[in-house]
C-alpha atoms as a PDB file:
ATOM      1  CA  MET A   1      -0.047  -0.051  -0.010  1.00  0.00           C
ATOM      2  CA  VAL A   2       2.797   2.561   0.517  1.00  0.00           C
ATOM      3  CA  ARG A   3       4.627   1.782  -2.485  1.00  0.00           C
ATOM      4  CA  ALA A   4       1.183   2.303  -4.453  1.00  0.00           C
ATOM      5  CA  ALA A   5       0.807   5.491  -2.800  1.00  0.00           C
ATOM      6  CA  ALA A   6       4.503   6.514  -3.620  1.00  0.00           C
ATOM      7  CA  ASP A   7       3.817   5.798  -7.164  1.00  0.00           C
ATOM      8  CA  LEU A   8       0.638   7.660  -7.166  1.00  0.00           C
ATOM      9  CA  LEU A   9       2.347  10.724  -5.533  1.00  0.00           C
ATOM     10  CA  HIS A  10       5.092  10.680  -7.831  1.00  0.00           C
ATOM     11  CA  ASP A  11       3.135  10.397 -10.819  1.00  0.00           C
ATOM     12  CA  GLY A  12       0.367  12.475 -10.215  1.00  0.00           C
ATOM     13  CA  GLY A  13       0.762  14.505  -6.989  1.00  0.00           C
ATOM     14  CA  ILE A  14      -0.788  14.929  -3.668  1.00  0.00           C
ATOM     15  CA  GLU A  15      -4.458  14.795  -5.044  1.00  0.00           C
ATOM     16  CA  ALA A  16      -3.765  11.769  -6.826  1.00  0.00           C
ATOM     17  CA  VAL A  17      -3.457   9.682  -3.490  1.00  0.00           C
ATOM     18  CA  SER A  18      -7.075   8.883  -2.656  1.00  0.00           C
ATOM     19  CA  THR A  19      -7.625   6.022  -0.399  1.00  0.00           C
ATOM     20  CA  ARG A  20      -9.846   4.629  -3.492  1.00  0.00           C
ATOM     21  CA  ALA A  21      -6.895   4.836  -5.942  1.00  0.00           C
ATOM     22  CA  VAL A  22      -4.400   3.453  -3.292  1.00  0.00           C
ATOM     23  CA  ALA A  23      -6.359   0.548  -2.722  1.00  0.00           C
ATOM     24  CA  ALA A  24      -7.157  -0.366  -6.507  1.00  0.00           C
ATOM     25  CA  ALA A  25      -3.434  -0.078  -7.201  1.00  0.00           C
ATOM     26  CA  ALA A  26      -2.378  -2.258  -4.149  1.00  0.00           C
ATOM     27  CA  GLY A  27      -5.436  -4.709  -4.389  1.00  0.00           C
ATOM     28  CA  VAL A  28      -6.991  -4.202  -1.270  1.00  0.00           C
ATOM     29  CA  GLN A  29      -9.883  -2.592   0.034  1.00  0.00           C
ATOM     30  CA  PRO A  30     -10.383   0.599   1.293  1.00  0.00           C
ATOM     31  CA  PRO A  31     -11.061  -0.426   4.752  1.00  0.00           C
ATOM     32  CA  ALA A  32      -7.646  -1.991   4.995  1.00  0.00           C
ATOM     33  CA  ILE A  33      -5.929   1.504   4.343  1.00  0.00           C
ATOM     34  CA  TYR A  34      -7.909   3.071   7.338  1.00  0.00           C
ATOM     35  CA  ARG A  35      -6.721   0.312   9.567  1.00  0.00           C
ATOM     36  CA  GLN A  36      -3.299   0.604   8.717  1.00  0.00           C
ATOM     37  CA  PHE A  37      -2.801   4.481   8.571  1.00  0.00           C
ATOM     38  CA  GLY A  38      -5.931   5.948  10.147  1.00  0.00           C
ATOM     39  CA  ASP A  39      -6.703   8.484   7.268  1.00  0.00           C
ATOM     40  CA  LYS A  40      -5.280  10.129   4.170  1.00  0.00           C
ATOM     41  CA  GLU A  41      -3.042  12.342   5.815  1.00  0.00           C
ATOM     42  CA  GLY A  42      -1.323   9.119   7.628  1.00  0.00           C
ATOM     43  CA  LEU A  43      -0.941   7.329   4.348  1.00  0.00           C
ATOM     44  CA  LEU A  44       0.502  10.677   2.796  1.00  0.00           C
ATOM     45  CA  ASP A  45       2.951  10.684   5.622  1.00  0.00           C
ATOM     46  CA  ALA A  46       3.777   6.879   5.490  1.00  0.00           C
ATOM     47  CA  ALA A  47       4.443   7.434   1.592  1.00  0.00           C
ATOM     48  CA  ALA A  48       6.830  10.672   1.901  1.00  0.00           C
ATOM     49  CA  ARG A  49       8.606   8.472   4.767  1.00  0.00           C
ATOM     50  CA  PHE A  50       9.163   5.784   1.831  1.00  0.00           C
ATOM     51  CA  VAL A  51      10.332   8.129  -0.827  1.00  0.00           C
ATOM     52  CA  LEU A  52      12.666  10.105   1.515  1.00  0.00           C
ATOM     53  CA  GLU A  53      14.380   6.872   2.799  1.00  0.00           C
ATOM     54  CA  SER A  54      17.013   6.462  -0.400  1.00  0.00           C
ATOM     55  CA  TYR A  55      17.483  10.357   0.194  1.00  0.00           C
ATOM     56  CA  MET A  56      18.040   9.976   4.212  1.00  0.00           C
ATOM     57  CA  LYS A  57      20.539   7.070   3.392  1.00  0.00           C
ATOM     58  CA  GLN A  58      23.004   9.179   1.140  1.00  0.00           C
ATOM     59  CA  LYS A  59      22.911  11.991   3.806  1.00  0.00           C
ATOM     60  CA  ARG A  60      23.933   9.667   6.232  1.00  0.00           C
ATOM     61  CA  LEU A  61      26.855   8.593   4.466  1.00  0.00           C
ATOM     62  CA  ILE A  62      27.807  12.332   3.634  1.00  0.00           C
ATOM     63  CA  ALA A  63      27.520  13.864   7.290  1.00  0.00           C
ATOM     64  CA  GLY A  64      30.936  13.164   8.750  1.00  0.00           C
ATOM     65  CA  SER A  65      32.740  11.506   5.660  1.00  0.00           C
ATOM     66  CA  SER A  66      34.995  14.844   5.422  1.00  0.00           C
ATOM     67  CA  ASP A  67      37.478  16.624   7.145  1.00  0.00           C
ATOM     68  CA  ASP A  68      35.934  19.766   5.887  1.00  0.00           C
ATOM     69  CA  PRO A  69      32.421  20.605   6.847  1.00  0.00           C
ATOM     70  CA  ALA A  70      31.891  23.117   4.005  1.00  0.00           C
ATOM     71  CA  THR A  71      32.707  19.953   1.557  1.00  0.00           C
ATOM     72  CA  GLU A  72      29.867  18.165   3.202  1.00  0.00           C
ATOM     73  CA  LEU A  73      27.649  20.763   3.223  1.00  0.00           C
ATOM     74  CA  ARG A  74      27.860  21.421  -0.824  1.00  0.00           C
ATOM     75  CA  THR A  75      27.470  17.815  -1.205  1.00  0.00           C
ATOM     76  CA  LEU A  76      24.524  17.752   1.008  1.00  0.00           C
ATOM     77  CA  TRP A  77      23.185  20.985  -0.941  1.00  0.00           C
ATOM     78  CA  ASP A  78      23.585  19.189  -4.255  1.00  0.00           C
ATOM     79  CA  LEU A  79      21.931  15.778  -3.044  1.00  0.00           C
ATOM     80  CA  HIS A  80      18.978  18.137  -1.759  1.00  0.00           C
ATOM     81  CA  VAL A  81      18.404  19.853  -4.881  1.00  0.00           C
ATOM     82  CA  GLN A  82      18.535  16.960  -6.975  1.00  0.00           C
ATOM     83  CA  PHE A  83      15.977  15.065  -4.733  1.00  0.00           C
ATOM     84  CA  GLY A  84      13.635  17.985  -4.915  1.00  0.00           C
ATOM     85  CA  ILE A  85      13.936  18.356  -8.820  1.00  0.00           C
ATOM     86  CA  ASN A  86      13.596  14.418  -9.214  1.00  0.00           C
ATOM     87  CA  GLU A  87      10.660  14.213  -6.631  1.00  0.00           C
ATOM     88  CA  PRO A  88       8.877  17.391  -7.001  1.00  0.00           C
ATOM     89  CA  ASN A  89       5.380  16.178  -5.462  1.00  0.00           C
ATOM     90  CA  CYS A  90       7.125  14.654  -2.338  1.00  0.00           C
ATOM     91  CA  TYR A  91       9.223  17.812  -1.939  1.00  0.00           C
ATOM     92  CA  VAL A  92       6.220  19.965  -2.046  1.00  0.00           C
ATOM     93  CA  LEU A  93       4.358  17.749   0.515  1.00  0.00           C
ATOM     94  CA  VAL A  94       7.084  17.699   2.962  1.00  0.00           C
ATOM     95  CA  PHE A  95       9.120  20.873   2.369  1.00  0.00           C
ATOM     96  CA  GLY A  96       6.322  23.343   0.817  1.00  0.00           C
ATOM     97  CA  GLN A  97       3.257  22.245   3.074  1.00  0.00           C
ATOM     98  CA  ALA A  98       4.886  21.939   6.331  1.00  0.00           C
ATOM     99  CA  LEU A  99       3.000  22.843   9.069  1.00  0.00           C
ATOM    100  CA  PRO A 100       3.775  23.299  12.933  1.00  0.00           C
ATOM    101  CA  GLY A 101       2.913  19.879  14.520  1.00  0.00           C
ATOM    102  CA  ARG A 102       3.044  17.999  11.136  1.00  0.00           C
ATOM    103  CA  VAL A 103       6.822  17.071  10.903  1.00  0.00           C
ATOM    104  CA  LEU A 104       7.896  13.934   9.823  1.00  0.00           C
ATOM    105  CA  SER A 105      10.409  11.959  11.867  1.00  0.00           C
ATOM    106  CA  THR A 106      12.514  11.658   8.646  1.00  0.00           C
ATOM    107  CA  THR A 107      12.502  15.475   8.309  1.00  0.00           C
ATOM    108  CA  THR A 108      13.646  15.828  11.767  1.00  0.00           C
ATOM    109  CA  GLU A 109      16.830  13.605  11.222  1.00  0.00           C
ATOM    110  CA  ALA A 110      17.582  15.448   7.870  1.00  0.00           C
ATOM    111  CA  VAL A 111      17.436  18.828  10.059  1.00  0.00           C
ATOM    112  CA  GLY A 112      19.721  17.128  12.683  1.00  0.00           C
ATOM    113  CA  LEU A 113      22.065  15.744  10.214  1.00  0.00           C
ATOM    114  CA  LEU A 114      22.465  19.483   8.463  1.00  0.00           C
ATOM    115  CA  ALA A 115      22.918  21.058  12.101  1.00  0.00           C
ATOM    116  CA  SER A 116      25.680  18.472  13.223  1.00  0.00           C
ATOM    117  CA  VAL A 117      27.793  19.627   9.980  1.00  0.00           C
ATOM    118  CA  ILE A 118      27.223  23.161  10.453  1.00  0.00           C
ATOM    119  CA  ALA A 119      28.190  22.891  14.187  1.00  0.00           C
ATOM    120  CA  ARG A 120      31.639  21.268  13.047  1.00  0.00           C
ATOM    121  CA  LEU A 121      32.230  24.831  11.327  1.00  0.00           C
ATOM    122  CA  GLY A 122      31.327  26.448  14.421  1.00  0.00           C
ATOM    123  CA  GLU A 123      33.617  24.296  16.459  1.00  0.00           C
ATOM    124  CA  GLN A 124      36.731  25.170  13.622  1.00  0.00           C
ATOM    125  CA  GLY A 125      35.886  28.800  14.623  1.00  0.00           C
ATOM    126  CA  ARG A 126      34.289  29.318  10.891  1.00  0.00           C
ATOM    127  CA  LEU A 127      30.725  30.854  11.742  1.00  0.00           C
ATOM    128  CA  LYS A 128      29.859  34.036  12.110  1.00  0.00           C
ATOM    129  CA  MET A 129      26.185  33.079  13.759  1.00  0.00           C
ATOM    130  CA  SER A 130      24.706  30.498  16.162  1.00  0.00           C
ATOM    131  CA  VAL A 131      24.630  26.891  14.399  1.00  0.00           C
ATOM    132  CA  ASP A 132      20.809  27.350  15.020  1.00  0.00           C
ATOM    133  CA  ARG A 133      20.422  30.627  13.145  1.00  0.00           C
ATOM    134  CA  ALA A 134      23.088  29.203  10.395  1.00  0.00           C
ATOM    135  CA  THR A 135      21.094  26.112  10.114  1.00  0.00           C
ATOM    136  CA  ASN A 136      17.708  27.648   9.880  1.00  0.00           C
ATOM    137  CA  TYR A 137      19.267  30.027   6.988  1.00  0.00           C
ATOM    138  CA  PHE A 138      20.826  26.991   5.042  1.00  0.00           C
ATOM    139  CA  ARG A 139      17.207  25.381   5.228  1.00  0.00           C
ATOM    140  CA  SER A 140      15.481  28.570   4.256  1.00  0.00           C
ATOM    141  CA  THR A 141      18.028  28.973   0.977  1.00  0.00           C
ATOM    142  CA  GLY A 142      17.667  25.751  -0.032  1.00  0.00           C
ATOM    143  CA  THR A 143      13.942  25.144   0.141  1.00  0.00           C
ATOM    144  CA  GLY A 144      13.351  28.489  -1.452  1.00  0.00           C
ATOM    145  CA  PHE A 145      15.872  27.533  -4.255  1.00  0.00           C
ATOM    146  CA  ILE A 146      14.249  24.273  -5.230  1.00  0.00           C
ATOM    147  CA  LEU A 147      10.263  25.499  -4.633  1.00  0.00           C
ATOM    148  CA  THR A 148      11.304  28.551  -7.031  1.00  0.00           C
ATOM    149  CA  GLN A 149      13.070  26.171  -9.461  1.00  0.00           C
ATOM    150  CA  LEU A 150       9.593  23.641  -9.302  1.00  0.00           C
ATOM    151  CA  ALA A 151       7.436  26.760 -10.471  1.00  0.00           C
ATOM    152  CA  THR A 152       9.523  27.948 -13.051  1.00  0.00           C
ATOM    153  CA  PRO A 153       9.530  26.292 -16.722  1.00  0.00           C
ATOM    154  CA  PRO A 154      12.500  23.844 -17.147  1.00  0.00           C
ATOM    155  CA  SER A 155      13.694  25.807 -20.351  1.00  0.00           C
ATOM    156  CA  GLU A 156      13.870  29.034 -18.003  1.00  0.00           C
ATOM    157  CA  HIS A 157      16.407  27.426 -15.592  1.00  0.00           C
ATOM    158  CA  ASP A 158      19.623  29.033 -14.858  1.00  0.00           C
ATOM    159  CA  PRO A 159      21.940  26.104 -14.407  1.00  0.00           C
ATOM    160  CA  GLU A 160      24.709  28.010 -12.626  1.00  0.00           C
ATOM    161  CA  LEU A 161      21.816  29.594 -10.094  1.00  0.00           C
ATOM    162  CA  SER A 162      22.215  26.590  -7.812  1.00  0.00           C
ATOM    163  CA  SER A 163      25.714  27.079  -7.153  1.00  0.00           C
ATOM    164  CA  ILE A 164      25.593  30.895  -6.637  1.00  0.00           C
ATOM    165  CA  ILE A 165      22.943  30.843  -3.939  1.00  0.00           C
ATOM    166  CA  PHE A 166      24.892  28.271  -2.057  1.00  0.00           C
ATOM    167  CA  ASP A 167      28.255  30.250  -2.155  1.00  0.00           C
ATOM    168  CA  ASP A 168      26.342  33.250  -0.994  1.00  0.00           C
ATOM    169  CA  THR A 169      25.034  31.039   1.763  1.00  0.00           C
ATOM    170  CA  ILE A 170      28.465  30.123   2.939  1.00  0.00           C
ATOM    171  CA  ALA A 171      29.625  33.592   2.690  1.00  0.00           C
ATOM    172  CA  ALA A 172      26.456  34.729   4.722  1.00  0.00           C
ATOM    173  CA  ILE A 173      26.881  32.362   7.485  1.00  0.00           C
ATOM    174  CA  THR A 174      30.876  31.879   7.740  1.00  0.00           C
ATOM    175  CA  ASN A 175      33.681  34.266   8.052  1.00  0.00           C
ATOM    176  CA  GLU A 176      35.140  33.257   5.031  1.00  0.00           C
ATOM    177  CA  ASN A 177      33.615  35.579   2.592  1.00  0.00           C
ATOM    178  CA  ARG A 178      34.879  35.286  -0.936  1.00  0.00           C
ATOM    179  CA  PRO A 179      37.135  38.295  -2.114  1.00  0.00           C
ATOM    180  CA  VAL A 180      35.703  40.366  -4.903  1.00  0.00           C
ATOM    181  CA  SER A 181      37.538  42.656  -7.575  1.00  0.00           C
ATOM    182  CA  ARG A 182      36.549  45.933  -7.488  1.00  0.00           C
ATOM    183  CA  THR A 183      36.891  46.003 -11.134  1.00  0.00           C
ATOM    184  CA  THR A 184      34.687  43.033 -11.702  1.00  0.00           C
ATOM    185  CA  GLU A 185      32.150  44.527  -9.262  1.00  0.00           C
ATOM    186  CA  SER A 186      32.160  48.104 -11.056  1.00  0.00           C
ATOM    187  CA  LEU A 187      31.664  46.203 -14.570  1.00  0.00           C
ATOM    188  CA  ALA A 188      28.881  44.317 -13.585  1.00  0.00           C
ATOM    189  CA  GLY A 189      27.204  47.252 -11.984  1.00  0.00           C
ATOM    190  CA  ARG A 190      27.611  49.381 -14.940  1.00  0.00           C
ATOM    191  CA  ALA A 191      26.244  46.769 -17.124  1.00  0.00           C
ATOM    192  CA  VAL A 192      23.248  46.513 -15.027  1.00  0.00           C
ATOM    193  CA  ALA A 193      22.433  49.954 -15.271  1.00  0.00           C
ATOM    194  CA  LEU A 194      22.961  50.252 -19.305  1.00  0.00           C
ATOM    195  CA  ARG A 195      20.638  47.147 -19.461  1.00  0.00           C
ATOM    196  CA  GLU A 196      18.048  48.631 -17.480  1.00  0.00           C
ATOM    197  CA  ALA A 197      18.321  52.126 -19.399  1.00  0.00           C
ATOM    198  CA  LEU A 198      17.898  50.110 -22.542  1.00  0.00           C
ATOM    199  CA  ARG A 199      14.748  48.442 -21.279  1.00  0.00           C
ATOM    200  CA  ALA A 200      13.286  51.491 -20.201  1.00  0.00           C
ATOM    201  CA  GLN A 201      13.598  52.997 -23.514  1.00  0.00           C
ATOM    202  CA  ARG A 202      14.927  51.496 -27.008  1.00  0.00           C
ATOM    203  CA  HIS A 203      17.912  53.732 -28.151  1.00  0.00           C
ATOM    204  CA  PRO A 204      16.692  55.009 -31.697  1.00  0.00           C
ATOM    205  CA  ALA A 205      20.592  54.232 -33.223  1.00  0.00           C
ATOM    206  CA  LEU A 206      20.150  50.560 -32.645  1.00  0.00           C
ATOM    207  CA  THR A 207      17.419  48.346 -34.405  1.00  0.00           C
ATOM    208  CA  THR A 208      15.175  45.593 -32.589  1.00  0.00           C
ATOM    209  CA  ALA A 209      17.866  42.980 -33.329  1.00  0.00           C
ATOM    210  CA  GLU A 210      20.635  44.933 -32.271  1.00  0.00           C
ATOM    211  CA  SER A 211      19.331  46.109 -28.900  1.00  0.00           C
ATOM    212  CA  ASP A 212      18.306  42.374 -28.042  1.00  0.00           C
ATOM    213  CA  LEU A 213      21.718  41.320 -28.703  1.00  0.00           C
ATOM    214  CA  LEU A 214      23.285  44.128 -26.663  1.00  0.00           C
ATOM    215  CA  ALA A 215      20.504  43.417 -24.085  1.00  0.00           C
ATOM    216  CA  GLU A 216      22.229  39.793 -24.025  1.00  0.00           C
ATOM    217  CA  TRP A 217      25.778  40.554 -23.893  1.00  0.00           C
ATOM    218  CA  LEU A 218      25.048  43.146 -20.935  1.00  0.00           C
ATOM    219  CA  ASN A 219      23.086  40.247 -19.092  1.00  0.00           C
ATOM    220  CA  ARG A 220      26.134  38.122 -19.581  1.00  0.00           C
ATOM    221  CA  LEU A 221      28.429  40.639 -18.404  1.00  0.00           C
ATOM    222  CA  ALA A 222      26.453  41.081 -14.889  1.00  0.00           C
ATOM    223  CA  ASP A 223      26.054  37.508 -14.380  1.00  0.00           C
ATOM    224  CA  ASN A 224      29.922  36.908 -14.880  1.00  0.00           C
END
């Protein structure tokens, strides 16, 4: 029954996981589901734990696998992003609809593993905020990024955005800010300013095609 519910969740989303559909897919009568799980919420929780278990096995292997906690955080970040993209319906169920009093034990373990890695950064004197705040910051940026990606058409995904957000998150919670060249910073700012000026009003000296090409170049300069 749990596997049937997990398959329906993966293929059709939360609304597809009805007791009738699960009963039909599992070859049982609906009363069997109520006896085992109580209600639909209990069934959804069981399905989510089932899907999350493989993800959690990998997280357990990553935590403590390196001398550098920052390296582990990057691996955990990539794993989290991959899970969100591959299992969007389960991700939204677990992380996008979280409510007080409705937290899966698997989710609690995942947060604990993350906190343990961040705590090691603190032990090494590399944090510039408390472990609790750094953990919540890390979770917020990760969840926000994935939910935004899921709401964005795949053709519009920025392949570099995940790395940018991770790097900015590390810079925000640790005292290891990346040095930024003043020349690079100035060039990016000027490119953005010119791009926005062109967006507000097309220059009569440029054709539409030339304006579009220039806008593409300016965006590339700003993002690099």
